[in-house]
Amino acid sequence: MGVSFDLNLDDDDESEIHEINVTPFIDVMLVLLIIFMVAAPLSTVDLPVDLPSATAVPMKKPDNPIYVTIKADLVVAVGETPVMRAHLVHTLEGMAEGHEQRIFLRADRGVPYGELMDVLELLRLGGYSKIALVALEGVPQTTPPAADQSGP
């Protein structure tokens, strides 16, 4: 009584499929895409500031912009966190990648010019020389005053 073994490897009935099933992979990627599409707008700064408009060509923003905001009540904020002006530079040093990183300064339309200049001076004294002023994109809503038309 002998035992016989069939070593035929070409049998299709018991062969394993060695292909990757990509359907679950596509499903996971679509779910991740939806999550990132929903989360991306939430990562922007949402302080209510009435910005003036400008017609300048917008610059490309860096990956992690740092916003310094002067609100209408003259409170200064870094990102969405209010800070005292005395601690502004110290707070930026913890966030910025160095003094060469561009700081985006936003100010409410009702902020006096002197207050804006005070914050600019604090940033300059702290070593931040690359400062971009942020405005709304588009055509300004007010027309410039007409030149004096009176003759001699």
N, C-alpha and C. Protein backbone atom coordinates (compact mmCIF):
# COMPACT_ATOMS: atom_id res chain seq x y z
N MET A 1 0.83 -1.14 0.00
CA MET A 1 0.00 0.00 0.00
C MET A 1 0.89 1.23 0.00
N GLY A 2 0.90 1.88 -1.07
CA GLY A 2 1.75 3.04 -1.22
C GLY A 2 0.94 4.33 -1.17
N VAL A 3 1.59 5.33 -0.72
CA VAL A 3 0.96 6.65 -0.64
C VAL A 3 1.44 7.45 -1.83
N SER A 4 0.51 8.04 -2.53
CA SER A 4 0.92 8.84 -3.67
C SER A 4 0.56 10.30 -3.40
N PHE A 5 1.43 11.15 -3.80
CA PHE A 5 1.22 12.59 -3.66
C PHE A 5 1.17 13.22 -5.04
N ASP A 6 0.27 14.16 -5.19
CA ASP A 6 0.18 14.87 -6.46
C ASP A 6 0.89 16.20 -6.28
N LEU A 7 2.02 16.35 -6.90
CA LEU A 7 2.79 17.58 -6.79
C LEU A 7 2.55 18.51 -7.98
N ASN A 8 1.41 18.40 -8.58
CA ASN A 8 1.06 19.25 -9.71
C ASN A 8 0.72 20.65 -9.19
N LEU A 9 1.54 21.64 -9.50
CA LEU A 9 1.33 23.01 -9.02
C LEU A 9 0.44 23.82 -9.94
N ASP A 10 0.03 23.24 -11.04
CA ASP A 10 -0.80 23.96 -12.00
C ASP A 10 -2.29 23.80 -11.73
N ASP A 11 -2.66 23.24 -10.59
CA ASP A 11 -4.06 23.02 -10.27
C ASP A 11 -4.72 24.35 -9.94
N ASP A 12 -5.74 24.76 -10.71
CA ASP A 12 -6.39 26.06 -10.53
C ASP A 12 -7.38 26.06 -9.39
N ASP A 13 -7.81 24.92 -8.92
CA ASP A 13 -8.83 24.87 -7.88
C ASP A 13 -8.31 25.36 -6.55
N GLU A 14 -7.08 25.13 -6.24
CA GLU A 14 -6.57 25.48 -4.92
C GLU A 14 -5.45 26.52 -4.98
N SER A 15 -5.28 27.19 -6.07
CA SER A 15 -4.22 28.19 -6.17
C SER A 15 -4.68 29.48 -5.49
N GLU A 16 -3.76 30.17 -4.89
CA GLU A 16 -4.07 31.42 -4.21
C GLU A 16 -3.94 32.58 -5.19
N ILE A 17 -4.74 33.59 -4.96
CA ILE A 17 -4.67 34.78 -5.80
C ILE A 17 -3.63 35.70 -5.17
N HIS A 18 -2.65 36.09 -5.95
CA HIS A 18 -1.57 36.94 -5.45
C HIS A 18 -1.69 38.36 -5.99
N GLU A 19 -2.89 38.89 -6.03
CA GLU A 19 -3.12 40.25 -6.49
C GLU A 19 -3.62 41.08 -5.32
N ILE A 20 -3.29 42.35 -5.33
CA ILE A 20 -3.73 43.26 -4.28
C ILE A 20 -5.15 43.72 -4.58
N ASN A 21 -5.99 43.65 -3.59
CA ASN A 21 -7.35 44.14 -3.73
C ASN A 21 -7.32 45.64 -3.43
N VAL A 22 -7.48 46.48 -4.42
CA VAL A 22 -7.34 47.93 -4.25
C VAL A 22 -8.63 48.62 -3.82
N THR A 23 -9.74 47.94 -3.81
CA THR A 23 -11.00 48.58 -3.44
C THR A 23 -10.98 49.12 -2.01
N PRO A 24 -10.53 48.37 -1.00
CA PRO A 24 -10.48 48.96 0.35
C PRO A 24 -9.49 50.13 0.42
N PHE A 25 -8.41 50.05 -0.34
CA PHE A 25 -7.43 51.13 -0.35
C PHE A 25 -8.05 52.41 -0.91
N ILE A 26 -8.82 52.30 -1.97
CA ILE A 26 -9.48 53.47 -2.56
C ILE A 26 -10.51 54.04 -1.59
N ASP A 27 -11.25 53.17 -0.91
CA ASP A 27 -12.24 53.63 0.07
C ASP A 27 -11.57 54.43 1.19
N VAL A 28 -10.46 53.93 1.70
CA VAL A 28 -9.75 54.63 2.78
C VAL A 28 -9.23 55.97 2.28
N MET A 29 -8.70 56.02 1.07
CA MET A 29 -8.18 57.27 0.52
C MET A 29 -9.29 58.31 0.33
N LEU A 30 -10.46 57.88 -0.10
CA LEU A 30 -11.57 58.81 -0.26
C LEU A 30 -12.03 59.36 1.08
N VAL A 31 -12.06 58.52 2.10
CA VAL A 31 -12.43 58.99 3.44
C VAL A 31 -11.40 60.00 3.94
N LEU A 32 -10.11 59.72 3.75
CA LEU A 32 -9.07 60.66 4.17
C LEU A 32 -9.18 61.97 3.41
N LEU A 33 -9.48 61.91 2.12
CA LEU A 33 -9.64 63.12 1.33
C LEU A 33 -10.78 63.98 1.88
N ILE A 34 -11.89 63.36 2.22
CA ILE A 34 -13.03 64.11 2.77
C ILE A 34 -12.65 64.73 4.11
N ILE A 35 -11.94 63.99 4.95
CA ILE A 35 -11.53 64.52 6.25
C ILE A 35 -10.64 65.74 6.06
N PHE A 36 -9.67 65.68 5.15
CA PHE A 36 -8.78 66.82 4.94
C PHE A 36 -9.51 68.00 4.31
N MET A 37 -10.48 67.73 3.45
CA MET A 37 -11.24 68.83 2.85
C MET A 37 -12.09 69.55 3.90
N VAL A 38 -12.58 68.83 4.88
CA VAL A 38 -13.38 69.45 5.93
C VAL A 38 -12.48 70.16 6.93
N ALA A 39 -11.32 69.59 7.25
CA ALA A 39 -10.44 70.14 8.28
C ALA A 39 -9.62 71.32 7.79
N ALA A 40 -9.33 71.43 6.51
CA ALA A 40 -8.45 72.50 6.01
C ALA A 40 -9.01 73.90 6.28
N PRO A 41 -10.28 74.18 6.01
CA PRO A 41 -10.76 75.54 6.32
C PRO A 41 -10.78 75.84 7.81
N LEU A 42 -10.83 74.84 8.65
CA LEU A 42 -10.86 75.07 10.08
C LEU A 42 -9.51 75.49 10.63
N SER A 43 -8.45 75.28 9.86
CA SER A 43 -7.11 75.60 10.35
C SER A 43 -6.72 77.05 10.09
N THR A 44 -7.58 77.84 9.49
CA THR A 44 -7.26 79.24 9.22
C THR A 44 -7.66 80.09 10.42
N VAL A 45 -7.17 81.31 10.45
CA VAL A 45 -7.46 82.23 11.55
C VAL A 45 -8.86 82.80 11.36
N ASP A 46 -9.65 82.81 12.43
CA ASP A 46 -11.03 83.29 12.34
C ASP A 46 -11.34 84.42 13.31
N LEU A 47 -10.45 85.39 13.43
CA LEU A 47 -10.76 86.55 14.26
C LEU A 47 -11.56 87.53 13.41
N PRO A 48 -12.66 88.07 13.93
CA PRO A 48 -13.45 89.00 13.14
C PRO A 48 -12.76 90.36 13.06
N VAL A 49 -12.21 90.68 11.89
CA VAL A 49 -11.51 91.94 11.68
C VAL A 49 -12.04 92.54 10.39
N ASP A 50 -12.39 93.82 10.42
CA ASP A 50 -12.85 94.52 9.24
C ASP A 50 -11.63 95.07 8.51
N LEU A 51 -11.12 94.28 7.56
CA LEU A 51 -9.90 94.66 6.84
C LEU A 51 -10.23 95.62 5.70
N PRO A 52 -9.33 96.57 5.44
CA PRO A 52 -9.51 97.39 4.25
C PRO A 52 -9.21 96.56 3.00
N SER A 53 -9.68 97.00 1.86
CA SER A 53 -9.45 96.25 0.64
C SER A 53 -8.29 96.88 -0.13
N ALA A 54 -7.65 96.07 -0.98
CA ALA A 54 -6.53 96.52 -1.80
C ALA A 54 -6.64 95.85 -3.16
N THR A 55 -6.08 96.50 -4.17
CA THR A 55 -6.12 95.94 -5.52
C THR A 55 -4.78 95.36 -5.92
N ALA A 56 -3.85 95.24 -4.99
CA ALA A 56 -2.53 94.69 -5.29
C ALA A 56 -2.64 93.20 -5.62
N VAL A 57 -1.66 92.70 -6.36
CA VAL A 57 -1.63 91.28 -6.70
C VAL A 57 -1.31 90.50 -5.44
N PRO A 58 -2.14 89.50 -5.07
CA PRO A 58 -1.89 88.76 -3.83
C PRO A 58 -0.61 87.93 -3.93
N MET A 59 0.09 87.85 -2.78
CA MET A 59 1.30 87.06 -2.70
C MET A 59 0.95 85.63 -2.32
N LYS A 60 1.85 84.71 -2.62
CA LYS A 60 1.67 83.33 -2.20
C LYS A 60 1.97 83.22 -0.71
N LYS A 61 1.04 82.62 0.04
CA LYS A 61 1.23 82.46 1.48
C LYS A 61 2.11 81.27 1.77
N PRO A 62 2.92 81.35 2.82
CA PRO A 62 3.72 80.19 3.20
C PRO A 62 2.84 79.10 3.80
N ASP A 63 3.45 77.95 4.07
CA ASP A 63 2.69 76.82 4.60
C ASP A 63 2.10 77.11 5.97
N ASN A 64 2.89 77.70 6.86
CA ASN A 64 2.42 78.00 8.22
C ASN A 64 2.57 79.50 8.48
N PRO A 65 1.63 80.31 7.97
CA PRO A 65 1.77 81.75 8.18
C PRO A 65 1.50 82.12 9.64
N ILE A 66 2.18 83.16 10.10
CA ILE A 66 1.97 83.67 11.46
C ILE A 66 1.26 85.01 11.32
N TYR A 67 0.06 85.09 11.87
CA TYR A 67 -0.73 86.31 11.81
C TYR A 67 -0.67 87.04 13.14
N VAL A 68 -0.36 88.34 13.08
CA VAL A 68 -0.49 89.23 14.23
C VAL A 68 -1.66 90.14 13.89
N THR A 69 -2.65 90.18 14.77
CA THR A 69 -3.89 90.91 14.49
C THR A 69 -4.10 92.00 15.53
N ILE A 70 -4.47 93.19 15.06
CA ILE A 70 -4.90 94.27 15.95
C ILE A 70 -6.40 94.42 15.72
N LYS A 71 -7.17 94.05 16.74
CA LYS A 71 -8.62 94.11 16.61
C LYS A 71 -9.12 95.53 16.85
N ALA A 72 -10.40 95.74 16.61
CA ALA A 72 -10.99 97.08 16.73
C ALA A 72 -10.86 97.63 18.14
N ASP A 73 -10.85 96.77 19.15
CA ASP A 73 -10.71 97.24 20.54
C ASP A 73 -9.24 97.35 20.95
N LEU A 74 -8.31 97.32 19.96
CA LEU A 74 -6.87 97.50 20.10
C LEU A 74 -6.18 96.34 20.82
N VAL A 75 -6.85 95.20 20.92
CA VAL A 75 -6.24 94.01 21.49
C VAL A 75 -5.37 93.37 20.40
N VAL A 76 -4.14 93.00 20.77
CA VAL A 76 -3.22 92.37 19.83
C VAL A 76 -3.30 90.86 20.04
N ALA A 77 -3.36 90.13 18.95
CA ALA A 77 -3.45 88.67 19.02
C ALA A 77 -2.43 88.06 18.07
N VAL A 78 -1.86 86.94 18.49
CA VAL A 78 -0.99 86.15 17.61
C VAL A 78 -1.78 84.90 17.28
N GLY A 79 -2.09 84.72 15.99
CA GLY A 79 -3.01 83.66 15.60
C GLY A 79 -4.38 84.04 16.12
N GLU A 80 -4.93 83.24 17.00
CA GLU A 80 -6.21 83.55 17.62
C GLU A 80 -6.07 83.83 19.11
N THR A 81 -4.83 83.85 19.61
CA THR A 81 -4.58 84.02 21.04
C THR A 81 -4.23 85.47 21.36
N PRO A 82 -5.03 86.14 22.18
CA PRO A 82 -4.68 87.51 22.57
C PRO A 82 -3.41 87.51 23.43
N VAL A 83 -2.53 88.49 23.18
CA VAL A 83 -1.29 88.64 23.95
C VAL A 83 -1.13 90.09 24.34
N MET A 84 -0.40 90.29 25.42
CA MET A 84 -0.05 91.65 25.81
C MET A 84 1.05 92.13 24.88
N ARG A 85 1.06 93.42 24.59
CA ARG A 85 2.07 93.94 23.67
C ARG A 85 3.48 93.72 24.19
N ALA A 86 3.66 93.73 25.50
CA ALA A 86 4.99 93.52 26.07
C ALA A 86 5.48 92.10 25.80
N HIS A 87 4.56 91.15 25.61
CA HIS A 87 4.94 89.75 25.39
C HIS A 87 4.83 89.34 23.92
N LEU A 88 4.59 90.29 23.02
CA LEU A 88 4.37 89.97 21.61
C LEU A 88 5.59 89.29 20.99
N VAL A 89 6.77 89.88 21.16
CA VAL A 89 7.98 89.33 20.54
C VAL A 89 8.32 87.98 21.16
N HIS A 90 8.15 87.85 22.47
CA HIS A 90 8.44 86.57 23.13
C HIS A 90 7.51 85.47 22.61
N THR A 91 6.25 85.80 22.40
CA THR A 91 5.30 84.83 21.86
C THR A 91 5.68 84.43 20.44
N LEU A 92 6.10 85.40 19.64
CA LEU A 92 6.50 85.09 18.26
C LEU A 92 7.75 84.23 18.21
N GLU A 93 8.67 84.44 19.13
CA GLU A 93 9.90 83.64 19.15
C GLU A 93 9.59 82.17 19.37
N GLY A 94 8.53 81.87 20.10
CA GLY A 94 8.14 80.49 20.31
C GLY A 94 7.46 79.86 19.10
N MET A 95 6.94 80.69 18.19
CA MET A 95 6.21 80.18 17.04
C MET A 95 7.00 80.26 15.74
N ALA A 96 7.76 81.32 15.56
CA ALA A 96 8.45 81.56 14.29
C ALA A 96 9.66 80.66 14.15
N GLU A 97 10.02 80.42 12.91
CA GLU A 97 11.19 79.59 12.61
C GLU A 97 12.45 80.43 12.58
N GLY A 98 12.39 81.63 13.01
CA GLY A 98 13.51 82.55 13.00
C GLY A 98 13.03 83.94 12.66
N HIS A 99 13.92 84.90 12.79
CA HIS A 99 13.54 86.28 12.54
C HIS A 99 13.39 86.58 11.05
N GLU A 100 13.77 85.64 10.19
CA GLU A 100 13.63 85.83 8.76
C GLU A 100 12.25 85.41 8.25
N GLN A 101 11.44 84.79 9.10
CA GLN A 101 10.11 84.39 8.66
C GLN A 101 9.21 85.61 8.55
N ARG A 102 8.39 85.62 7.53
CA ARG A 102 7.48 86.75 7.30
C ARG A 102 6.33 86.70 8.29
N ILE A 103 6.03 87.86 8.88
CA ILE A 103 4.91 88.01 9.81
C ILE A 103 3.81 88.76 9.07
N PHE A 104 2.60 88.23 9.12
CA PHE A 104 1.46 88.86 8.45
C PHE A 104 0.70 89.69 9.48
N LEU A 105 0.67 91.00 9.28
CA LEU A 105 0.02 91.93 10.22
C LEU A 105 -1.33 92.33 9.67
N ARG A 106 -2.37 92.05 10.46
CA ARG A 106 -3.74 92.42 10.10
C ARG A 106 -4.22 93.44 11.12
N ALA A 107 -4.90 94.47 10.65
CA ALA A 107 -5.45 95.48 11.56
C ALA A 107 -6.85 95.83 11.10
N ASP A 108 -7.73 95.99 12.06
CA ASP A 108 -9.10 96.39 11.77
C ASP A 108 -9.09 97.78 11.14
N ARG A 109 -10.07 98.05 10.31
CA ARG A 109 -10.16 99.34 9.61
C ARG A 109 -10.23 100.50 10.61
N GLY A 110 -10.79 100.29 11.78
CA GLY A 110 -10.95 101.37 12.76
C GLY A 110 -9.75 101.58 13.67
N VAL A 111 -8.68 100.83 13.49
CA VAL A 111 -7.50 100.99 14.33
C VAL A 111 -6.76 102.26 13.91
N PRO A 112 -6.44 103.13 14.88
CA PRO A 112 -5.69 104.35 14.54
C PRO A 112 -4.31 104.01 13.99
N TYR A 113 -3.83 104.87 13.10
CA TYR A 113 -2.54 104.66 12.46
C TYR A 113 -1.41 104.57 13.49
N GLY A 114 -1.49 105.34 14.54
CA GLY A 114 -0.46 105.32 15.57
C GLY A 114 -0.36 103.97 16.26
N GLU A 115 -1.49 103.32 16.49
CA GLU A 115 -1.49 102.00 17.12
C GLU A 115 -0.83 100.97 16.20
N LEU A 116 -1.13 101.05 14.91
CA LEU A 116 -0.51 100.15 13.94
C LEU A 116 1.00 100.36 13.92
N MET A 117 1.43 101.61 13.95
CA MET A 117 2.86 101.90 13.95
C MET A 117 3.54 101.44 15.24
N ASP A 118 2.84 101.50 16.36
CA ASP A 118 3.41 101.00 17.62
C ASP A 118 3.70 99.51 17.54
N VAL A 119 2.76 98.74 16.97
CA VAL A 119 2.97 97.29 16.84
C VAL A 119 4.08 97.01 15.83
N LEU A 120 4.12 97.76 14.73
CA LEU A 120 5.22 97.61 13.77
C LEU A 120 6.57 97.89 14.42
N GLU A 121 6.63 98.90 15.26
CA GLU A 121 7.88 99.23 15.95
C GLU A 121 8.27 98.13 16.93
N LEU A 122 7.30 97.54 17.63
CA LEU A 122 7.60 96.42 18.53
C LEU A 122 8.19 95.25 17.75
N LEU A 123 7.60 94.96 16.59
CA LEU A 123 8.11 93.86 15.77
C LEU A 123 9.51 94.17 15.24
N ARG A 124 9.74 95.43 14.84
CA ARG A 124 11.06 95.80 14.33
C ARG A 124 12.11 95.72 15.42
N LEU A 125 11.78 96.20 16.62
CA LEU A 125 12.73 96.13 17.73
C LEU A 125 12.99 94.68 18.15
N GLY A 126 12.03 93.80 17.92
CA GLY A 126 12.20 92.39 18.24
C GLY A 126 12.99 91.64 17.18
N GLY A 127 13.35 92.31 16.09
CA GLY A 127 14.18 91.68 15.07
C GLY A 127 13.40 91.17 13.87
N TYR A 128 12.11 91.41 13.82
CA TYR A 128 11.30 90.95 12.70
C TYR A 128 11.19 92.08 11.67
N SER A 129 11.90 91.92 10.57
CA SER A 129 11.91 92.97 9.55
C SER A 129 11.05 92.61 8.34
N LYS A 130 10.67 91.34 8.20
CA LYS A 130 9.81 90.93 7.09
C LYS A 130 8.37 90.88 7.57
N ILE A 131 7.66 91.98 7.32
CA ILE A 131 6.28 92.11 7.79
C ILE A 131 5.41 92.43 6.59
N ALA A 132 4.36 91.65 6.40
CA ALA A 132 3.42 91.88 5.30
C ALA A 132 2.11 92.38 5.89
N LEU A 133 1.58 93.44 5.32
CA LEU A 133 0.29 93.97 5.74
C LEU A 133 -0.80 93.25 4.97
N VAL A 134 -1.83 92.79 5.68
CA VAL A 134 -2.90 92.00 5.09
C VAL A 134 -4.10 92.91 4.83
N ALA A 135 -4.68 92.78 3.63
CA ALA A 135 -5.89 93.52 3.27
C ALA A 135 -6.80 92.57 2.52
N LEU A 136 -8.06 92.94 2.38
CA LEU A 136 -8.99 92.17 1.57
C LEU A 136 -8.62 92.33 0.10
N GLU A 137 -8.77 91.26 -0.66
CA GLU A 137 -8.48 91.32 -2.09
C GLU A 137 -9.68 91.88 -2.82
N GLY A 138 -9.43 92.69 -3.83
CA GLY A 138 -10.52 93.21 -4.64
C GLY A 138 -10.43 94.70 -4.79
N VAL A 139 -11.48 95.25 -5.37
CA VAL A 139 -11.55 96.68 -5.63
C VAL A 139 -11.97 97.40 -4.36
N PRO A 140 -11.31 98.50 -4.00
CA PRO A 140 -11.74 99.24 -2.81
C PRO A 140 -13.17 99.75 -2.96
N GLN A 141 -13.88 99.79 -1.86
CA GLN A 141 -15.29 100.18 -1.90
C GLN A 141 -15.46 101.69 -1.92
N THR A 142 -14.47 102.45 -1.49
CA THR A 142 -14.57 103.90 -1.50
C THR A 142 -13.71 104.44 -2.63
N THR A 143 -14.17 105.50 -3.25
CA THR A 143 -13.39 106.11 -4.32
C THR A 143 -12.44 107.12 -3.71
N PRO A 144 -11.26 107.29 -4.31
CA PRO A 144 -10.33 108.27 -3.77
C PRO A 144 -10.89 109.67 -3.93
N PRO A 145 -10.50 110.59 -3.03
CA PRO A 145 -11.02 111.95 -3.15
C PRO A 145 -10.53 112.60 -4.44
N ALA A 146 -11.39 113.37 -5.04
CA ALA A 146 -11.05 114.02 -6.30
C ALA A 146 -10.01 115.11 -6.04
N ALA A 147 -9.14 115.31 -7.02
CA ALA A 147 -8.13 116.35 -6.90
C ALA A 147 -8.84 117.71 -6.90
N ASP A 148 -8.21 118.64 -6.28
CA ASP A 148 -8.79 119.98 -6.17
C ASP A 148 -8.89 120.57 -7.58
N GLN A 149 -10.10 120.84 -8.03
CA GLN A 149 -10.36 121.32 -9.38
C GLN A 149 -10.37 122.84 -9.46
N SER A 150 -10.19 123.54 -8.35
CA SER A 150 -10.29 124.98 -8.39
C SER A 150 -9.10 125.57 -9.13
N GLY A 151 -9.34 126.55 -9.91
CA GLY A 151 -8.30 127.19 -10.70
C GLY A 151 -7.70 128.36 -9.95
N PRO A 152 -6.72 129.04 -10.55
CA PRO A 152 -6.09 130.20 -9.91
C PRO A 152 -6.95 131.40 -9.81
